[in-house]
């Protein structure tokens, strides 16, 4: 997350340095923060998917235990 912000700031700094537009620095900062937010969102989606898989496994195990008890 921090790396994305630093890369965005670096790109913004270089754009500001090599062009006559100082606002490009803030554009780079915005890009970096946006990339960090996107990375957090992607990590969240992976965790939700992983949780759902564990939940399904847990339900299957509970069903097997119930079948064993009923025998």
PDB file of N, CA and C in Angstrom:
ATOM      1  N   UNK A   1       0.830  -1.181   0.000  1.00  0.00           N
ATOM      2  CA  UNK A   1       0.000   0.000   0.000  1.00  0.00           C
ATOM      3  C   UNK A   1       0.876   1.246   0.000  1.00  0.00           C
ATOM      4  N   UNK A   2       1.873   1.265   0.860  1.00  0.00           N
ATOM      5  CA  UNK A   2       2.753   2.424   0.950  1.00  0.00           C
ATOM      6  C   UNK A   2       3.573   2.564  -0.323  1.00  0.00           C
ATOM      7  N   UNK A   3       3.955   1.428  -0.901  1.00  0.00           N
ATOM      8  CA  UNK A   3       4.764   1.460  -2.119  1.00  0.00           C
ATOM      9  C   UNK A   3       3.993   2.131  -3.248  1.00  0.00           C
ATOM     10  N   UNK A   4       2.719   1.844  -3.365  1.00  0.00           N
ATOM     11  CA  UNK A   4       1.906   2.450  -4.421  1.00  0.00           C
ATOM     12  C   UNK A   4       1.865   3.965  -4.277  1.00  0.00           C
ATOM     13  N   UNK A   5       1.742   4.446  -3.054  1.00  0.00           N
ATOM     14  CA  UNK A   5       1.713   5.895  -2.826  1.00  0.00           C
ATOM     15  C   UNK A   5       3.065   6.499  -3.181  1.00  0.00           C
ATOM     16  N   UNK A   6       4.159   5.839  -2.768  1.00  0.00           N
ATOM     17  CA  UNK A   6       5.491   6.369  -3.084  1.00  0.00           C
ATOM     18  C   UNK A   6       5.754   6.384  -4.587  1.00  0.00           C
ATOM     19  N   UNK A   7       5.310   5.361  -5.282  1.00  0.00           N
ATOM     20  CA  UNK A   7       5.480   5.342  -6.735  1.00  0.00           C
ATOM     21  C   UNK A   7       4.684   6.479  -7.369  1.00  0.00           C
ATOM     22  N   UNK A   8       3.457   6.680  -6.910  1.00  0.00           N
ATOM     23  CA  UNK A   8       2.646   7.781  -7.432  1.00  0.00           C
ATOM     24  C   UNK A   8       3.272   9.134  -7.158  1.00  0.00           C
ATOM     25  N   UNK A   9       3.796   9.321  -5.947  1.00  0.00           N
ATOM     26  CA  UNK A   9       4.461  10.586  -5.606  1.00  0.00           C
ATOM     27  C   UNK A   9       5.698  10.765  -6.477  1.00  0.00           C
ATOM     28  N   UNK A  10       6.449   9.688  -6.680  1.00  0.00           N
ATOM     29  CA  UNK A  10       7.644   9.775  -7.529  1.00  0.00           C
ATOM     30  C   UNK A  10       7.309  10.150  -8.957  1.00  0.00           C
ATOM     31  N   UNK A  11       6.277   9.532  -9.498  1.00  0.00           N
ATOM     32  CA  UNK A  11       5.859   9.871 -10.862  1.00  0.00           C
ATOM     33  C   UNK A  11       5.385  11.320 -10.919  1.00  0.00           C
ATOM     34  N   UNK A  12       4.615  11.726  -9.922  1.00  0.00           N
ATOM     35  CA  UNK A  12       4.155  13.113  -9.881  1.00  0.00           C
ATOM     36  C   UNK A  12       5.303  14.094  -9.779  1.00  0.00           C
ATOM     37  N   UNK A  13       6.301  13.759  -8.967  1.00  0.00           N
ATOM     38  CA  UNK A  13       7.472  14.633  -8.822  1.00  0.00           C
ATOM     39  C   UNK A  13       8.222  14.756 -10.142  1.00  0.00           C
ATOM     40  N   UNK A  14       8.417  13.618 -10.817  1.00  0.00           N
ATOM     41  CA  UNK A  14       9.121  13.662 -12.103  1.00  0.00           C
ATOM     42  C   UNK A  14       8.331  14.446 -13.147  1.00  0.00           C
ATOM     43  N   UNK A  15       7.022  14.262 -13.169  1.00  0.00           N
ATOM     44  CA  UNK A  15       6.201  15.029 -14.116  1.00  0.00           C
ATOM     45  C   UNK A  15       6.276  16.522 -13.819  1.00  0.00           C
ATOM     46  N   UNK A  16       6.273  16.873 -12.551  1.00  0.00           N
ATOM     47  CA  UNK A  16       6.377  18.285 -12.157  1.00  0.00           C
ATOM     48  C   UNK A  16       7.737  18.848 -12.545  1.00  0.00           C
ATOM     49  N   UNK A  17       8.774  18.048 -12.362  1.00  0.00           N
ATOM     50  CA  UNK A  17      10.136  18.510 -12.627  1.00  0.00           C
ATOM     51  C   UNK A  17      10.389  18.711 -14.118  1.00  0.00           C
ATOM     52  N   UNK A  18       9.858  17.807 -14.954  1.00  0.00           N
ATOM     53  CA  UNK A  18      10.161  17.859 -16.383  1.00  0.00           C
ATOM     54  C   UNK A  18       9.113  18.582 -17.225  1.00  0.00           C
ATOM     55  N   UNK A  19       8.054  19.049 -16.606  1.00  0.00           N
ATOM     56  CA  UNK A  19       7.039  19.817 -17.331  1.00  0.00           C
ATOM     57  C   UNK A  19       6.793  21.127 -16.589  1.00  0.00           C
ATOM     58  N   UNK A  20       6.206  22.099 -17.253  1.00  0.00           N
ATOM     59  CA  UNK A  20       5.940  23.377 -16.573  1.00  0.00           C
ATOM     60  C   UNK A  20       4.652  23.372 -15.740  1.00  0.00           C
ATOM     61  N   UNK A  21       4.089  22.205 -15.503  1.00  0.00           N
ATOM     62  CA  UNK A  21       2.817  22.122 -14.791  1.00  0.00           C
ATOM     63  C   UNK A  21       3.014  21.563 -13.384  1.00  0.00           C
ATOM     64  N   UNK A  22       2.977  22.424 -12.361  1.00  0.00           N
ATOM     65  CA  UNK A  22       3.203  21.932 -10.991  1.00  0.00           C
ATOM     66  C   UNK A  22       2.058  21.075 -10.451  1.00  0.00           C
ATOM     67  N   UNK A  23       0.876  21.187 -11.015  1.00  0.00           N
ATOM     68  CA  UNK A  23      -0.254  20.408 -10.520  1.00  0.00           C
ATOM     69  C   UNK A  23      -0.119  18.923 -10.852  1.00  0.00           C
ATOM     70  N   UNK A  24       0.805  18.573 -11.742  1.00  0.00           N
ATOM     71  CA  UNK A  24       1.001  17.161 -12.074  1.00  0.00           C
ATOM     72  C   UNK A  24       1.536  16.367 -10.883  1.00  0.00           C
ATOM     73  N   UNK A  25       2.206  17.054  -9.951  1.00  0.00           N
ATOM     74  CA  UNK A  25       2.645  16.380  -8.726  1.00  0.00           C
ATOM     75  C   UNK A  25       1.439  15.836  -7.981  1.00  0.00           C
ATOM     76  N   UNK A  26       0.403  16.647  -7.853  1.00  0.00           N
ATOM     77  CA  UNK A  26      -0.794  16.216  -7.125  1.00  0.00           C
ATOM     78  C   UNK A  26      -1.547  15.135  -7.884  1.00  0.00           C
ATOM     79  N   UNK A  27      -1.440  15.166  -9.196  1.00  0.00           N
ATOM     80  CA  UNK A  27      -2.024  14.085  -9.986  1.00  0.00           C
ATOM     81  C   UNK A  27      -1.322  12.766  -9.662  1.00  0.00           C
ATOM     82  N   UNK A  28      -0.004  12.798  -9.540  1.00  0.00           N
ATOM     83  CA  UNK A  28       0.754  11.608  -9.161  1.00  0.00           C
ATOM     84  C   UNK A  28       0.384  11.118  -7.774  1.00  0.00           C
ATOM     85  N   UNK A  29       0.204  12.043  -6.833  1.00  0.00           N
ATOM     86  CA  UNK A  29      -0.220  11.666  -5.482  1.00  0.00           C
ATOM     87  C   UNK A  29      -1.588  10.990  -5.546  1.00  0.00           C
ATOM     88  N   UNK A  30      -2.487  11.553  -6.316  1.00  0.00           N
ATOM     89  CA  UNK A  30      -3.819  10.966  -6.477  1.00  0.00           C
ATOM     90  C   UNK A  30      -3.731   9.566  -7.075  1.00  0.00           C
ATOM     91  N   UNK A  31      -2.893   9.392  -8.099  1.00  0.00           N
ATOM     92  CA  UNK A  31      -2.715   8.072  -8.708  1.00  0.00           C
ATOM     93  C   UNK A  31      -2.209   7.070  -7.680  1.00  0.00           C
ATOM     94  N   UNK A  32      -1.242   7.492  -6.884  1.00  0.00           N
ATOM     95  CA  UNK A  32      -0.684   6.598  -5.871  1.00  0.00           C
ATOM     96  C   UNK A  32      -1.710   6.185  -4.836  1.00  0.00           C
ATOM     97  N   UNK A  33      -2.478   7.140  -4.350  1.00  0.00           N
ATOM     98  CA  UNK A  33      -3.503   6.837  -3.353  1.00  0.00           C
ATOM     99  C   UNK A  33      -4.590   5.951  -3.964  1.00  0.00           C
ATOM    100  N   UNK A  34      -4.943   6.237  -5.207  1.00  0.00           N
ATOM    101  CA  UNK A  34      -5.947   5.405  -5.887  1.00  0.00           C
ATOM    102  C   UNK A  34      -5.453   3.971  -6.049  1.00  0.00           C
ATOM    103  N   UNK A  35      -4.195   3.815  -6.409  1.00  0.00           N
ATOM    104  CA  UNK A  35      -3.628   2.469  -6.553  1.00  0.00           C
ATOM    105  C   UNK A  35      -3.611   1.745  -5.212  1.00  0.00           C
ATOM    106  N   UNK A  36      -3.304   2.458  -4.137  1.00  0.00           N
ATOM    107  CA  UNK A  36      -3.291   1.842  -2.804  1.00  0.00           C
ATOM    108  C   UNK A  36      -4.692   1.381  -2.410  1.00  0.00           C
ATOM    109  N   UNK A  37      -5.684   2.206  -2.674  1.00  0.00           N
ATOM    110  CA  UNK A  37      -7.071   1.835  -2.360  1.00  0.00           C
ATOM    111  C   UNK A  37      -7.491   0.619  -3.183  1.00  0.00           C
ATOM    112  N   UNK A  38      -7.107   0.593  -4.449  1.00  0.00           N
ATOM    113  CA  UNK A  38      -7.429  -0.551  -5.302  1.00  0.00           C
ATOM    114  C   UNK A  38      -6.762  -1.827  -4.781  1.00  0.00           C
ATOM    115  N   UNK A  39      -5.521  -1.721  -4.317  1.00  0.00           N
ATOM    116  CA  UNK A  39      -4.830  -2.891  -3.757  1.00  0.00           C
ATOM    117  C   UNK A  39      -5.537  -3.406  -2.508  1.00  0.00           C
ATOM    118  N   UNK A  40      -5.995  -2.511  -1.662  1.00  0.00           N
ATOM    119  CA  UNK A  40      -6.719  -2.921  -0.457  1.00  0.00           C
ATOM    120  C   UNK A  40      -8.024  -3.611  -0.846  1.00  0.00           C
ATOM    121  N   UNK A  41      -8.715  -3.082  -1.834  1.00  0.00           N
ATOM    122  CA  UNK A  41      -9.972  -3.682  -2.289  1.00  0.00           C
ATOM    123  C   UNK A  41      -9.740  -5.091  -2.846  1.00  0.00           C
ATOM    124  N   UNK A  42      -8.686  -5.250  -3.648  1.00  0.00           N
ATOM    125  CA  UNK A  42      -8.384  -6.570  -4.206  1.00  0.00           C
ATOM    126  C   UNK A  42      -8.049  -7.569  -3.102  1.00  0.00           C
ATOM    127  N   UNK A  43      -7.281  -7.136  -2.116  1.00  0.00           N
ATOM    128  CA  UNK A  43      -6.946  -8.021  -0.993  1.00  0.00           C
ATOM    129  C   UNK A  43      -8.204  -8.399  -0.221  1.00  0.00           C
ATOM    130  N   UNK A  44      -9.114  -7.454  -0.059  1.00  0.00           N
ATOM    131  CA  UNK A  44     -10.384  -7.726   0.623  1.00  0.00           C
ATOM    132  C   UNK A  44     -11.183  -8.787  -0.129  1.00  0.00           C
ATOM    133  N   UNK A  45     -11.265  -8.660  -1.446  1.00  0.00           N
ATOM    134  CA  UNK A  45     -12.023  -9.623  -2.242  1.00  0.00           C
ATOM    135  C   UNK A  45     -11.425 -11.026  -2.125  1.00  0.00           C
ATOM    136  N   UNK A  46     -10.102 -11.126  -2.098  1.00  0.00           N
ATOM    137  CA  UNK A  46      -9.451 -12.430  -1.947  1.00  0.00           C
ATOM    138  C   UNK A  46      -9.786 -13.026  -0.586  1.00  0.00           C
ATOM    139  N   UNK A  47      -9.782 -12.203   0.450  1.00  0.00           N
ATOM    140  CA  UNK A  47     -10.085 -12.699   1.791  1.00  0.00           C
ATOM    141  C   UNK A  47     -11.536 -13.153   1.904  1.00  0.00           C
ATOM    142  N   UNK A  48     -12.448 -12.436   1.288  1.00  0.00           N
ATOM    143  CA  UNK A  48     -13.862 -12.829   1.320  1.00  0.00           C
ATOM    144  C   UNK A  48     -14.042 -14.171   0.616  1.00  0.00           C
ATOM    145  N   UNK A  49     -13.385 -14.343  -0.517  1.00  0.00           N
ATOM    146  CA  UNK A  49     -13.480 -15.612  -1.241  1.00  0.00           C
ATOM    147  C   UNK A  49     -12.908 -16.751  -0.395  1.00  0.00           C
ATOM    148  N   UNK A  50     -11.787 -16.504   0.243  1.00  0.00           N
ATOM    149  CA  UNK A  50     -11.172 -17.514   1.104  1.00  0.00           C
ATOM    150  C   UNK A  50     -12.097 -17.867   2.267  1.00  0.00           C
ATOM    151  N   UNK A  51     -12.723 -16.866   2.856  1.00  0.00           N
ATOM    152  CA  UNK A  51     -13.656 -17.105   3.957  1.00  0.00           C
ATOM    153  C   UNK A  51     -14.820 -17.974   3.504  1.00  0.00           C
ATOM    154  N   UNK A  52     -15.345 -17.703   2.325  1.00  0.00           N
ATOM    155  CA  UNK A  52     -16.465 -18.494   1.806  1.00  0.00           C
ATOM    156  C   UNK A  52     -16.052 -19.952   1.608  1.00  0.00           C
ATOM    157  N   UNK A  53     -14.825 -20.173   1.134  1.00  0.00           N
ATOM    158  CA  UNK A  53     -14.354 -21.548   0.948  1.00  0.00           C
ATOM    159  C   UNK A  53     -14.254 -22.270   2.287  1.00  0.00           C
ATOM    160  N   UNK A  54     -13.731 -21.595   3.307  1.00  0.00           N
ATOM    161  CA  UNK A  54     -13.645 -22.211   4.627  1.00  0.00           C
ATOM    162  C   UNK A  54     -15.027 -22.474   5.205  1.00  0.00           C
ATOM    163  N   UNK A  55     -15.954 -21.576   4.936  1.00  0.00           N
ATOM    164  CA  UNK A  55     -17.316 -21.751   5.430  1.00  0.00           C
ATOM    165  C   UNK A  55     -17.953 -22.989   4.799  1.00  0.00           C
ATOM    166  N   UNK A  56     -17.748 -23.175   3.495  1.00  0.00           N
ATOM    167  CA  UNK A  56     -18.293 -24.348   2.810  1.00  0.00           C
ATOM    168  C   UNK A  56     -17.677 -25.632   3.355  1.00  0.00           C
ATOM    169  N   UNK A  57     -16.359 -25.624   3.584  1.00  0.00           N
ATOM    170  CA  UNK A  57     -15.696 -26.806   4.145  1.00  0.00           C
ATOM    171  C   UNK A  57     -16.237 -27.123   5.532  1.00  0.00           C
ATOM    172  N   UNK A  58     -16.448 -26.085   6.316  1.00  0.00           N
ATOM    173  CA  UNK A  58     -16.967 -26.277   7.670  1.00  0.00           C
ATOM    174  C   UNK A  58     -18.350 -26.914   7.634  1.00  0.00           C
ATOM    175  N   UNK A  59     -19.196 -26.463   6.721  1.00  0.00           N
ATOM    176  CA  UNK A  59     -20.536 -27.033   6.604  1.00  0.00           C
ATOM    177  C   UNK A  59     -20.470 -28.500   6.179  1.00  0.00           C
ATOM    178  N   UNK A  60     -19.564 -28.836   5.264  1.00  0.00           N
ATOM    179  CA  UNK A  60     -19.424 -30.231   4.841  1.00  0.00           C
ATOM    180  C   UNK A  60     -18.950 -31.109   5.993  1.00  0.00           C
ATOM    181  N   UNK A  61     -18.019 -30.604   6.767  1.00  0.00           N
ATOM    182  CA  UNK A  61     -17.522 -31.370   7.917  1.00  0.00           C
ATOM    183  C   UNK A  61     -18.632 -31.580   8.936  1.00  0.00           C
ATOM    184  N   UNK A  62     -19.420 -30.547   9.183  1.00  0.00           N
ATOM    185  CA  UNK A  62     -20.539 -30.684  10.122  1.00  0.00           C
ATOM    186  C   UNK A  62     -21.545 -31.720   9.632  1.00  0.00           C
ATOM    187  N   UNK A  63     -21.820 -31.731   8.329  1.00  0.00           N
ATOM    188  CA  UNK A  63     -22.744 -32.715   7.775  1.00  0.00           C
ATOM    189  C   UNK A  63     -22.203 -34.137   7.950  1.00  0.00           C
ATOM    190  N   UNK A  64     -20.906 -34.327   7.718  1.00  0.00           N
ATOM    191  CA  UNK A  64     -20.307 -35.653   7.887  1.00  0.00           C
ATOM    192  C   UNK A  64     -20.376 -36.100   9.339  1.00  0.00           C
ATOM    193  N   UNK A  65     -20.141 -35.184  10.255  1.00  0.00           N
ATOM    194  CA  UNK A  65     -20.216 -35.520  11.678  1.00  0.00           C
ATOM    195  C   UNK A  65     -21.639 -35.908  12.051  1.00  0.00           C
ATOM    196  N   UNK A  66     -22.625 -35.176  11.542  1.00  0.00           N
ATOM    197  CA  UNK A  66     -24.023 -35.503  11.821  1.00  0.00           C
ATOM    198  C   UNK A  66     -24.377 -36.886  11.277  1.00  0.00           C
ATOM    199  N   UNK A  67     -23.892 -37.215  10.080  1.00  0.00           N
ATOM    200  CA  UNK A  67     -24.168 -38.530   9.500  1.00  0.00           C
ATOM    201  C   UNK A  67     -23.544 -39.633  10.344  1.00  0.00           C
ATOM    202  N   UNK A  68     -22.347 -39.400  10.846  1.00  0.00           N
ATOM    203  CA  UNK A  68     -21.677 -40.394  11.695  1.00  0.00           C
ATOM    204  C   UNK A  68     -22.437 -40.596  13.000  1.00  0.00           C
ATOM    205  N   UNK A  69     -22.963 -39.527  13.561  1.00  0.00           N
ATOM    206  CA  UNK A  69     -23.717 -39.628  14.814  1.00  0.00           C
ATOM    207  C   UNK A  69     -25.036 -40.359  14.609  1.00  0.00           C
ATOM    208  N   UNK A  70     -25.645 -40.180  13.457  1.00  0.00           N
ATOM    209  CA  UNK A  70     -26.946 -40.793  13.182  1.00  0.00           C
ATOM    210  C   UNK A  70     -26.842 -42.284  12.874  1.00  0.00           C
ATOM    211  N   UNK A  71     -25.681 -42.784  12.607  1.00  0.00           N
ATOM    212  CA  UNK A  71     -25.525 -44.216  12.275  1.00  0.00           C
ATOM    213  C   UNK A  71     -25.640 -45.078  13.463  1.00  0.00           C
TER     214      UNK A  71
END
